[in-house]
């Protein structure tokens, strides 16, 4: 059994996929398996994934029955269904891990065994094409255990603190299974907020000051497409309504009430999302798409 199962989902990700995989291969911690999940690609990314898998037996290729496209949550769940390690990490096809990421994260969770989910400060990576990089801390506090439901109240989109990027997260597989994994109805956005929001409300987490991820900013990303297409506010509302209902069923009233207040404030002040950490990033992305 490896120490970490790494899940990389992709849809027509040929342009950047090799760099993402190379950043996994370049880690100084080598006890991992990499599950490359094709969500219905029509470019050369599936062939590229098979090329890497043929060269390293720690790498496996997965796809939905019939090679169809089922969305980001279903693709992540397919990877989870085949994961064998006690810890799960994610890397999206357009992102890049920094050297030492896995070793540093495993050292933290070894020192504090109560952690269910760990994430660090993220470099929103614009310099790959000549723009500025932006370092954004995850969470409202760093380098201490955060007991539930504190993070659920503090982090975007209920609070204003930065939410984790999926590519930065290390999460206990049994913790993710306990909350039902990813929600298949979130096919292309907020799928991370839905899964991790359930953990924030129910289990202890940790946010580090360390930087382990370069999150690539580019006009072809799913976030940029959502914002450029004008869907951001509607999908955010859909998530908040879903989260409110899930919290009600789970009996976590303090967070449910906070979500209801957030929905009411957003109704009174359209565009409020600009004043949250991820909202400011979204605004910058939208302006970049316009230019």
C-alpha atoms as a PDB file:
ATOM      1  CA  UNK A   1       0.000   0.000   0.000  1.00  0.00           C
ATOM      2  CA  UNK A   2       1.451   3.407  -0.942  1.00  0.00           C
ATOM      3  CA  UNK A   3       1.390   6.324   1.497  1.00  0.00           C
ATOM      4  CA  UNK A   4      -0.523   8.646  -0.855  1.00  0.00           C
ATOM      5  CA  UNK A   5      -2.964   8.141  -3.711  1.00  0.00           C
ATOM      6  CA  UNK A   6      -2.687  11.083  -6.113  1.00  0.00           C
ATOM      7  CA  UNK A   7      -5.693  11.761  -8.343  1.00  0.00           C
ATOM      8  CA  UNK A   8      -5.278  13.804 -11.515  1.00  0.00           C
ATOM      9  CA  UNK A   9      -8.456  14.376 -13.511  1.00  0.00           C
ATOM     10  CA  UNK A  10      -8.252  15.808 -17.006  1.00  0.00           C
ATOM     11  CA  UNK A  11     -10.443  16.798 -19.931  1.00  0.00           C
ATOM     12  CA  UNK A  12      -8.550  17.771 -23.067  1.00  0.00           C
ATOM     13  CA  UNK A  13      -5.572  18.703 -20.924  1.00  0.00           C
ATOM     14  CA  UNK A  14      -2.785  17.810 -23.337  1.00  0.00           C
ATOM     15  CA  UNK A  15      -1.216  21.283 -23.211  1.00  0.00           C
ATOM     16  CA  UNK A  16      -0.212  21.153 -19.530  1.00  0.00           C
ATOM     17  CA  UNK A  17      -0.738  17.552 -18.367  1.00  0.00           C
ATOM     18  CA  UNK A  18       2.860  16.481 -18.849  1.00  0.00           C
ATOM     19  CA  UNK A  19       4.132  19.290 -16.630  1.00  0.00           C
ATOM     20  CA  UNK A  20       1.667  18.325 -13.884  1.00  0.00           C
ATOM     21  CA  UNK A  21       2.774  14.680 -14.003  1.00  0.00           C
ATOM     22  CA  UNK A  22       6.448  15.674 -14.063  1.00  0.00           C
ATOM     23  CA  UNK A  23       5.916  17.685 -10.877  1.00  0.00           C
ATOM     24  CA  UNK A  24       4.671  14.495  -9.186  1.00  0.00           C
ATOM     25  CA  UNK A  25       7.591  12.469 -10.522  1.00  0.00           C
ATOM     26  CA  UNK A  26       9.945  15.160  -9.187  1.00  0.00           C
ATOM     27  CA  UNK A  27       8.815  14.791  -5.571  1.00  0.00           C
ATOM     28  CA  UNK A  28      11.443  13.615  -3.090  1.00  0.00           C
ATOM     29  CA  UNK A  29       8.814  11.384  -1.457  1.00  0.00           C
ATOM     30  CA  UNK A  30       8.362   8.419  -3.792  1.00  0.00           C
ATOM     31  CA  UNK A  31       5.827   6.213  -1.970  1.00  0.00           C
ATOM     32  CA  UNK A  32       2.738   7.107  -3.993  1.00  0.00           C
ATOM     33  CA  UNK A  33       0.385   5.962  -6.724  1.00  0.00           C
ATOM     34  CA  UNK A  34      -0.864   8.321  -9.434  1.00  0.00           C
ATOM     35  CA  UNK A  35      -4.343   7.777 -10.868  1.00  0.00           C
ATOM     36  CA  UNK A  36      -4.831   9.624 -14.168  1.00  0.00           C
ATOM     37  CA  UNK A  37      -8.589   9.967 -14.746  1.00  0.00           C
ATOM     38  CA  UNK A  38      -9.754  10.847 -18.262  1.00  0.00           C
ATOM     39  CA  UNK A  39     -13.151  12.588 -18.207  1.00  0.00           C
ATOM     40  CA  UNK A  40     -13.904  12.108 -21.901  1.00  0.00           C
ATOM     41  CA  UNK A  41     -10.974  13.795 -23.653  1.00  0.00           C
ATOM     42  CA  UNK A  42     -10.921  14.127 -27.439  1.00  0.00           C
ATOM     43  CA  UNK A  43      -7.360  15.484 -27.757  1.00  0.00           C
ATOM     44  CA  UNK A  44      -4.078  13.665 -27.174  1.00  0.00           C
ATOM     45  CA  UNK A  45      -4.149  13.821 -23.364  1.00  0.00           C
ATOM     46  CA  UNK A  46      -5.327  10.209 -22.894  1.00  0.00           C
ATOM     47  CA  UNK A  47      -2.464   8.968 -25.083  1.00  0.00           C
ATOM     48  CA  UNK A  48      -0.044  11.117 -23.088  1.00  0.00           C
ATOM     49  CA  UNK A  49      -1.372   9.600 -19.842  1.00  0.00           C
ATOM     50  CA  UNK A  50      -0.876   6.082 -21.227  1.00  0.00           C
ATOM     51  CA  UNK A  51       2.683   6.996 -22.219  1.00  0.00           C
ATOM     52  CA  UNK A  52       3.529   7.932 -18.627  1.00  0.00           C
ATOM     53  CA  UNK A  53       1.745   4.850 -17.226  1.00  0.00           C
ATOM     54  CA  UNK A  54       3.725   2.545 -19.516  1.00  0.00           C
ATOM     55  CA  UNK A  55       6.956   3.940 -18.087  1.00  0.00           C
ATOM     56  CA  UNK A  56       6.104   3.816 -14.340  1.00  0.00           C
ATOM     57  CA  UNK A  57       4.040   1.082 -12.676  1.00  0.00           C
ATOM     58  CA  UNK A  58       2.975   3.507  -9.918  1.00  0.00           C
ATOM     59  CA  UNK A  59       0.833   5.286 -12.547  1.00  0.00           C
ATOM     60  CA  UNK A  60      -2.565   3.969 -13.676  1.00  0.00           C
ATOM     61  CA  UNK A  61      -5.041   5.306 -16.252  1.00  0.00           C
ATOM     62  CA  UNK A  62      -8.788   5.355 -15.596  1.00  0.00           C
ATOM     63  CA  UNK A  63     -11.838   6.408 -17.618  1.00  0.00           C
ATOM     64  CA  UNK A  64     -15.618   6.272 -17.317  1.00  0.00           C
ATOM     65  CA  UNK A  65     -17.449   3.405 -19.026  1.00  0.00           C
ATOM     66  CA  UNK A  66     -17.658   4.169 -22.715  1.00  0.00           C
ATOM     67  CA  UNK A  67     -15.103   6.956 -22.345  1.00  0.00           C
ATOM     68  CA  UNK A  68     -17.810   9.528 -21.559  1.00  0.00           C
ATOM     69  CA  UNK A  69     -17.680  12.926 -19.894  1.00  0.00           C
ATOM     70  CA  UNK A  70     -19.376  12.945 -16.475  1.00  0.00           C
ATOM     71  CA  UNK A  71     -17.904  16.033 -14.855  1.00  0.00           C
ATOM     72  CA  UNK A  72     -15.287  16.876 -12.269  1.00  0.00           C
ATOM     73  CA  UNK A  73     -16.942  15.329  -9.201  1.00  0.00           C
ATOM     74  CA  UNK A  74     -17.644  12.004 -10.906  1.00  0.00           C
ATOM     75  CA  UNK A  75     -14.073  11.933 -12.221  1.00  0.00           C
ATOM     76  CA  UNK A  76     -12.628  12.584  -8.766  1.00  0.00           C
ATOM     77  CA  UNK A  77     -14.919   9.906  -7.294  1.00  0.00           C
ATOM     78  CA  UNK A  78     -13.714   7.427  -9.918  1.00  0.00           C
ATOM     79  CA  UNK A  79     -10.172   8.076  -8.761  1.00  0.00           C
ATOM     80  CA  UNK A  80     -11.211   7.680  -5.124  1.00  0.00           C
ATOM     81  CA  UNK A  81     -12.860   4.340  -5.897  1.00  0.00           C
ATOM     82  CA  UNK A  82      -9.497   3.022  -7.112  1.00  0.00           C
ATOM     83  CA  UNK A  83      -7.322   4.705  -4.464  1.00  0.00           C
ATOM     84  CA  UNK A  84      -5.549   2.375  -2.034  1.00  0.00           C
ATOM     85  CA  UNK A  85      -3.541   4.735   0.208  1.00  0.00           C
ATOM     86  CA  UNK A  86      -4.676   6.191   3.556  1.00  0.00           C
ATOM     87  CA  UNK A  87      -4.012   9.720   2.251  1.00  0.00           C
ATOM     88  CA  UNK A  88      -5.303  11.275  -0.970  1.00  0.00           C
ATOM     89  CA  UNK A  89      -3.867  14.227  -2.878  1.00  0.00           C
ATOM     90  CA  UNK A  90      -5.116  15.913  -6.029  1.00  0.00           C
ATOM     91  CA  UNK A  91      -3.371  17.653  -8.874  1.00  0.00           C
ATOM     92  CA  UNK A  92      -5.326  19.177 -11.733  1.00  0.00           C
ATOM     93  CA  UNK A  93      -3.880  18.872 -15.213  1.00  0.00           C
ATOM     94  CA  UNK A  94      -2.939  22.555 -15.501  1.00  0.00           C
ATOM     95  CA  UNK A  95      -1.266  22.966 -12.094  1.00  0.00           C
ATOM     96  CA  UNK A  96       2.232  22.222 -10.802  1.00  0.00           C
ATOM     97  CA  UNK A  97       3.454  20.951  -7.447  1.00  0.00           C
ATOM     98  CA  UNK A  98       6.605  22.425  -5.964  1.00  0.00           C
ATOM     99  CA  UNK A  99       9.414  20.033  -4.983  1.00  0.00           C
ATOM    100  CA  UNK A 100       9.024  18.645  -1.462  1.00  0.00           C
ATOM    101  CA  UNK A 101       5.243  19.082  -1.336  1.00  0.00           C
ATOM    102  CA  UNK A 102       4.359  15.519  -0.333  1.00  0.00           C
ATOM    103  CA  UNK A 103       7.214  15.109   2.152  1.00  0.00           C
ATOM    104  CA  UNK A 104       6.345  18.364   3.948  1.00  0.00           C
ATOM    105  CA  UNK A 105       2.637  17.570   4.131  1.00  0.00           C
ATOM    106  CA  UNK A 106       3.181  14.015   5.376  1.00  0.00           C
ATOM    107  CA  UNK A 107       5.489  15.341   8.097  1.00  0.00           C
ATOM    108  CA  UNK A 108       2.741  17.677   9.338  1.00  0.00           C
ATOM    109  CA  UNK A 109       0.015  15.021   9.459  1.00  0.00           C
ATOM    110  CA  UNK A 110       2.416  12.590  11.124  1.00  0.00           C
ATOM    111  CA  UNK A 111       3.087  15.128  13.880  1.00  0.00           C
ATOM    112  CA  UNK A 112      -0.651  15.895  14.335  1.00  0.00           C
ATOM    113  CA  UNK A 113      -2.671  12.718  13.693  1.00  0.00           C
ATOM    114  CA  UNK A 114      -6.038  14.415  14.248  1.00  0.00           C
ATOM    115  CA  UNK A 115      -5.790  16.282  10.917  1.00  0.00           C
ATOM    116  CA  UNK A 116      -8.379  15.204   8.342  1.00  0.00           C
ATOM    117  CA  UNK A 117      -7.433  17.757   5.668  1.00  0.00           C
ATOM    118  CA  UNK A 118      -4.318  19.850   5.114  1.00  0.00           C
ATOM    119  CA  UNK A 119      -3.661  22.747   2.712  1.00  0.00           C
ATOM    120  CA  UNK A 120      -1.121  25.558   2.433  1.00  0.00           C
ATOM    121  CA  UNK A 121      -0.576  28.984   0.925  1.00  0.00           C
ATOM    122  CA  UNK A 122      -1.128  28.980  -2.860  1.00  0.00           C
ATOM    123  CA  UNK A 123       0.846  30.740  -5.540  1.00  0.00           C
ATOM    124  CA  UNK A 124      -1.635  31.952  -8.152  1.00  0.00           C
ATOM    125  CA  UNK A 125       0.815  31.543 -10.972  1.00  0.00           C
ATOM    126  CA  UNK A 126       0.757  34.241 -13.611  1.00  0.00           C
ATOM    127  CA  UNK A 127       4.488  34.442 -14.252  1.00  0.00           C
ATOM    128  CA  UNK A 128       4.412  31.348 -16.479  1.00  0.00           C
ATOM    129  CA  UNK A 129       3.197  33.747 -19.190  1.00  0.00           C
ATOM    130  CA  UNK A 130       4.726  36.997 -18.001  1.00  0.00           C
ATOM    131  CA  UNK A 131       2.162  38.240 -15.462  1.00  0.00           C
ATOM    132  CA  UNK A 132       2.523  38.716 -11.723  1.00  0.00           C
ATOM    133  CA  UNK A 133       2.255  35.881  -9.213  1.00  0.00           C
ATOM    134  CA  UNK A 134      -0.052  36.312  -6.206  1.00  0.00           C
ATOM    135  CA  UNK A 135       0.507  34.422  -2.931  1.00  0.00           C
ATOM    136  CA  UNK A 136      -2.799  33.734  -1.176  1.00  0.00           C
ATOM    137  CA  UNK A 137      -3.005  32.057   2.257  1.00  0.00           C
ATOM    138  CA  UNK A 138      -5.589  29.336   2.714  1.00  0.00           C
ATOM    139  CA  UNK A 139      -7.742  29.650   5.792  1.00  0.00           C
ATOM    140  CA  UNK A 140      -8.261  32.285   8.465  1.00  0.00           C
ATOM    141  CA  UNK A 141      -5.399  31.019  10.664  1.00  0.00           C
ATOM    142  CA  UNK A 142      -2.249  29.093   9.860  1.00  0.00           C
ATOM    143  CA  UNK A 143      -0.187  26.384  11.555  1.00  0.00           C
ATOM    144  CA  UNK A 144      -2.643  25.213  14.181  1.00  0.00           C
ATOM    145  CA  UNK A 145      -5.389  22.607  14.382  1.00  0.00           C
ATOM    146  CA  UNK A 146      -8.789  24.036  13.450  1.00  0.00           C
ATOM    147  CA  UNK A 147     -11.643  22.130  15.066  1.00  0.00           C
ATOM    148  CA  UNK A 148     -15.071  21.875  13.406  1.00  0.00           C
ATOM    149  CA  UNK A 149     -17.059  23.807  12.440  1.00  0.00           C
ATOM    150  CA  UNK A 150     -14.684  26.808  12.714  1.00  0.00           C
ATOM    151  CA  UNK A 151     -13.287  26.496   9.171  1.00  0.00           C
ATOM    152  CA  UNK A 152     -16.764  26.091   7.661  1.00  0.00           C
ATOM    153  CA  UNK A 153     -17.729  29.463   9.111  1.00  0.00           C
ATOM    154  CA  UNK A 154     -14.495  31.274   8.223  1.00  0.00           C
ATOM    155  CA  UNK A 155     -13.705  30.079   4.690  1.00  0.00           C
ATOM    156  CA  UNK A 156     -15.139  31.111   1.348  1.00  0.00           C
ATOM    157  CA  UNK A 157     -17.902  31.170   0.304  1.00  0.00           C
ATOM    158  CA  UNK A 158     -19.533  31.365   3.745  1.00  0.00           C
ATOM    159  CA  UNK A 159     -16.752  33.526   5.191  1.00  0.00           C
ATOM    160  CA  UNK A 160     -14.064  35.682   3.607  1.00  0.00           C
ATOM    161  CA  UNK A 161     -10.914  33.573   4.153  1.00  0.00           C
ATOM    162  CA  UNK A 162      -9.353  31.756   1.209  1.00  0.00           C
ATOM    163  CA  UNK A 163     -10.594  28.251   0.459  1.00  0.00           C
ATOM    164  CA  UNK A 164      -8.089  25.550  -0.537  1.00  0.00           C
ATOM    165  CA  UNK A 165      -7.278  24.691  -4.139  1.00  0.00           C
ATOM    166  CA  UNK A 166      -7.909  20.995  -4.811  1.00  0.00           C
ATOM    167  CA  UNK A 167      -4.370  20.603  -6.188  1.00  0.00           C
ATOM    168  CA  UNK A 168      -2.951  21.690  -2.817  1.00  0.00           C
ATOM    169  CA  UNK A 169      -5.009  19.450  -0.540  1.00  0.00           C
ATOM    170  CA  UNK A 170      -3.916  16.335   1.313  1.00  0.00           C
ATOM    171  CA  UNK A 171      -6.930  14.586   2.830  1.00  0.00           C
ATOM    172  CA  UNK A 172      -7.454  11.351   4.742  1.00  0.00           C
ATOM    173  CA  UNK A 173      -9.258   8.894   2.497  1.00  0.00           C
ATOM    174  CA  UNK A 174     -11.511   7.644   5.307  1.00  0.00           C
ATOM    175  CA  UNK A 175     -12.436  11.251   6.212  1.00  0.00           C
ATOM    176  CA  UNK A 176     -13.528  11.951   2.650  1.00  0.00           C
ATOM    177  CA  UNK A 177     -15.420   8.651   2.501  1.00  0.00           C
ATOM    178  CA  UNK A 178     -17.200   9.493   5.777  1.00  0.00           C
ATOM    179  CA  UNK A 179     -18.821  12.547   4.157  1.00  0.00           C
ATOM    180  CA  UNK A 180     -19.687  10.771   0.908  1.00  0.00           C
ATOM    181  CA  UNK A 181     -16.838  12.012  -1.270  1.00  0.00           C
ATOM    182  CA  UNK A 182     -17.587  14.489  -4.046  1.00  0.00           C
ATOM    183  CA  UNK A 183     -21.124  15.405  -5.078  1.00  0.00           C
ATOM    184  CA  UNK A 184     -21.801  14.261  -8.658  1.00  0.00           C
ATOM    185  CA  UNK A 185     -24.271  17.086  -9.284  1.00  0.00           C
ATOM    186  CA  UNK A 186     -21.346  19.551  -9.200  1.00  0.00           C
ATOM    187  CA  UNK A 187     -19.965  18.785 -12.613  1.00  0.00           C
ATOM    188  CA  UNK A 188     -17.723  21.748 -13.370  1.00  0.00           C
ATOM    189  CA  UNK A 189     -17.454  24.229 -10.490  1.00  0.00           C
ATOM    190  CA  UNK A 190     -17.724  24.339  -6.683  1.00  0.00           C
ATOM    191  CA  UNK A 191     -17.231  20.560  -6.549  1.00  0.00           C
ATOM    192  CA  UNK A 192     -14.290  21.188  -4.217  1.00  0.00           C
ATOM    193  CA  UNK A 193     -16.322  23.524  -1.981  1.00  0.00           C
ATOM    194  CA  UNK A 194     -19.021  20.860  -1.641  1.00  0.00           C
ATOM    195  CA  UNK A 195     -16.652  18.034  -0.674  1.00  0.00           C
ATOM    196  CA  UNK A 196     -14.288  20.033   1.509  1.00  0.00           C
ATOM    197  CA  UNK A 197     -17.112  22.071   3.045  1.00  0.00           C
ATOM    198  CA  UNK A 198     -18.522  18.842   4.498  1.00  0.00           C
ATOM    199  CA  UNK A 199     -15.143  18.096   6.076  1.00  0.00           C
ATOM    200  CA  UNK A 200     -14.734  21.645   7.430  1.00  0.00           C
ATOM    201  CA  UNK A 201     -18.082  21.316   9.193  1.00  0.00           C
ATOM    202  CA  UNK A 202     -17.367  17.935  10.764  1.00  0.00           C
ATOM    203  CA  UNK A 203     -13.624  17.229  11.125  1.00  0.00           C
ATOM    204  CA  UNK A 204     -10.369  18.923  12.246  1.00  0.00           C
ATOM    205  CA  UNK A 205      -8.226  20.560   9.558  1.00  0.00           C
ATOM    206  CA  UNK A 206      -4.904  22.409   9.267  1.00  0.00           C
ATOM    207  CA  UNK A 207      -3.803  25.337   7.096  1.00  0.00           C
ATOM    208  CA  UNK A 208      -0.070  25.875   6.653  1.00  0.00           C
ATOM    209  CA  UNK A 209       1.916  28.993   5.792  1.00  0.00           C
ATOM    210  CA  UNK A 210       4.071  26.916   3.428  1.00  0.00           C
ATOM    211  CA  UNK A 211       3.743  27.219  -0.364  1.00  0.00           C
ATOM    212  CA  UNK A 212       3.444  23.893  -2.198  1.00  0.00           C
ATOM    213  CA  UNK A 213       1.388  24.696  -5.293  1.00  0.00           C
ATOM    214  CA  UNK A 214       1.631  26.806  -8.426  1.00  0.00           C
ATOM    215  CA  UNK A 215      -1.986  27.272  -9.540  1.00  0.00           C
ATOM    216  CA  UNK A 216      -1.821  28.199 -13.195  1.00  0.00           C
ATOM    217  CA  UNK A 217      -3.854  31.270 -14.190  1.00  0.00           C
ATOM    218  CA  UNK A 218      -4.984  31.009 -17.808  1.00  0.00           C
ATOM    219  CA  UNK A 219      -8.029  31.803 -19.915  1.00  0.00           C
ATOM    220  CA  UNK A 220      -8.687  28.127 -20.719  1.00  0.00           C
ATOM    221  CA  UNK A 221      -9.219  27.013 -17.109  1.00  0.00           C
ATOM    222  CA  UNK A 222     -12.611  25.874 -15.851  1.00  0.00           C
ATOM    223  CA  UNK A 223     -12.750  28.817 -13.415  1.00  0.00           C
ATOM    224  CA  UNK A 224     -11.962  31.339 -16.153  1.00  0.00           C
ATOM    225  CA  UNK A 225     -14.594  29.748 -18.399  1.00  0.00           C
ATOM    226  CA  UNK A 226     -17.220  29.967 -15.666  1.00  0.00           C
ATOM    227  CA  UNK A 227     -16.423  33.612 -14.970  1.00  0.00           C
ATOM    228  CA  UNK A 228     -16.021  34.641 -18.597  1.00  0.00           C
ATOM    229  CA  UNK A 229     -19.337  32.986 -19.409  1.00  0.00           C
ATOM    230  CA  UNK A 230     -21.126  34.958 -16.707  1.00  0.00           C
ATOM    231  CA  UNK A 231     -22.048  31.875 -14.640  1.00  0.00           C
ATOM    232  CA  UNK A 232     -20.118  32.605 -11.459  1.00  0.00           C
ATOM    233  CA  UNK A 233     -22.850  34.184  -9.327  1.00  0.00           C
ATOM    234  CA  UNK A 234     -25.512  31.632 -10.292  1.00  0.00           C
ATOM    235  CA  UNK A 235     -23.287  28.653  -9.557  1.00  0.00           C
ATOM    236  CA  UNK A 236     -22.221  30.181  -6.250  1.00  0.00           C
ATOM    237  CA  UNK A 237     -25.878  30.577  -5.256  1.00  0.00           C
ATOM    238  CA  UNK A 238     -26.570  26.978  -6.310  1.00  0.00           C
ATOM    239  CA  UNK A 239     -23.751  25.782  -4.073  1.00  0.00           C
ATOM    240  CA  UNK A 240     -24.892  27.843  -1.084  1.00  0.00           C
ATOM    241  CA  UNK A 241     -28.453  26.525  -1.380  1.00  0.00           C
ATOM    242  CA  UNK A 242     -27.133  22.962  -1.604  1.00  0.00           C
ATOM    243  CA  UNK A 243     -24.802  23.485   1.377  1.00  0.00           C
ATOM    244  CA  UNK A 244     -27.600  24.968   3.477  1.00  0.00           C
ATOM    245  CA  UNK A 245     -29.736  21.875   2.833  1.00  0.00           C
ATOM    246  CA  UNK A 246     -26.861  19.478   3.570  1.00  0.00           C
ATOM    247  CA  UNK A 247     -26.075  21.260   6.845  1.00  0.00           C
ATOM    248  CA  UNK A 248     -29.728  21.130   7.839  1.00  0.00           C
ATOM    249  CA  UNK A 249     -29.827  17.370   7.291  1.00  0.00           C
ATOM    250  CA  UNK A 250     -26.537  16.959   9.168  1.00  0.00           C
ATOM    251  CA  UNK A 251     -27.875  18.993  12.092  1.00  0.00           C
ATOM    252  CA  UNK A 252     -25.074  21.596  11.993  1.00  0.00           C
ATOM    253  CA  UNK A 253     -27.256  24.586  12.768  1.00  0.00           C
ATOM    254  CA  UNK A 254     -24.583  27.194  13.454  1.00  0.00           C
ATOM    255  CA  UNK A 255     -23.145  26.870   9.950  1.00  0.00           C
ATOM    256  CA  UNK A 256     -26.566  26.553   8.332  1.00  0.00           C
ATOM    257  CA  UNK A 257     -27.592  29.873   9.855  1.00  0.00           C
ATOM    258  CA  UNK A 258     -24.375  31.475   8.587  1.00  0.00           C
ATOM    259  CA  UNK A 259     -25.099  30.201   5.064  1.00  0.00           C
ATOM    260  CA  UNK A 260     -28.613  31.635   5.205  1.00  0.00           C
ATOM    261  CA  UNK A 261     -27.189  34.996   6.267  1.00  0.00           C
ATOM    262  CA  UNK A 262     -24.695  34.859   3.400  1.00  0.00           C
ATOM    263  CA  UNK A 263     -27.480  34.142   0.903  1.00  0.00           C
ATOM    264  CA  UNK A 264     -29.463  37.081   2.247  1.00  0.00           C
ATOM    265  CA  UNK A 265     -26.505  39.456   2.096  1.00  0.00           C
ATOM    266  CA  UNK A 266     -25.740  38.380  -1.472  1.00  0.00           C
ATOM    267  CA  UNK A 267     -29.344  39.039  -2.414  1.00  0.00           C
ATOM    268  CA  UNK A 268     -29.129  42.531  -0.978  1.00  0.00           C
ATOM    269  CA  UNK A 269     -25.715  43.299  -2.482  1.00  0.00           C
ATOM    270  CA  UNK A 270     -25.112  41.671  -5.881  1.00  0.00           C
ATOM    271  CA  UNK A 271     -21.391  41.376  -6.536  1.00  0.00           C
ATOM    272  CA  UNK A 272     -20.545  40.823  -2.854  1.00  0.00           C
ATOM    273  CA  UNK A 273     -18.344  37.898  -3.905  1.00  0.00           C
ATOM    274  CA  UNK A 274     -15.768  40.487  -5.071  1.00  0.00           C
ATOM    275  CA  UNK A 275     -14.993  41.175  -1.424  1.00  0.00           C
ATOM    276  CA  UNK A 276     -13.988  37.588  -0.570  1.00  0.00           C
ATOM    277  CA  UNK A 277     -10.538  36.103  -1.137  1.00  0.00           C
ATOM    278  CA  UNK A 278     -11.587  33.798  -3.975  1.00  0.00           C
ATOM    279  CA  UNK A 279     -13.930  36.447  -5.268  1.00  0.00           C
ATOM    280  CA  UNK A 280     -11.057  38.879  -5.733  1.00  0.00           C
ATOM    281  CA  UNK A 281      -9.201  36.202  -7.667  1.00  0.00           C
ATOM    282  CA  UNK A 282     -12.320  35.561  -9.750  1.00  0.00           C
ATOM    283  CA  UNK A 283     -12.627  39.256 -10.477  1.00  0.00           C
ATOM    284  CA  UNK A 284      -9.018  39.419 -11.653  1.00  0.00           C
ATOM    285  CA  UNK A 285      -9.604  36.378 -13.856  1.00  0.00           C
ATOM    286  CA  UNK A 286     -12.714  37.916 -15.378  1.00  0.00           C
ATOM    287  CA  UNK A 287     -10.911  41.141 -16.137  1.00  0.00           C
ATOM    288  CA  UNK A 288      -8.080  39.154 -17.727  1.00  0.00           C
ATOM    289  CA  UNK A 289     -10.549  37.251 -19.910  1.00  0.00           C
ATOM    290  CA  UNK A 290     -12.130  40.553 -21.002  1.00  0.00           C
ATOM    291  CA  UNK A 291      -8.743  41.989 -21.979  1.00  0.00           C
END
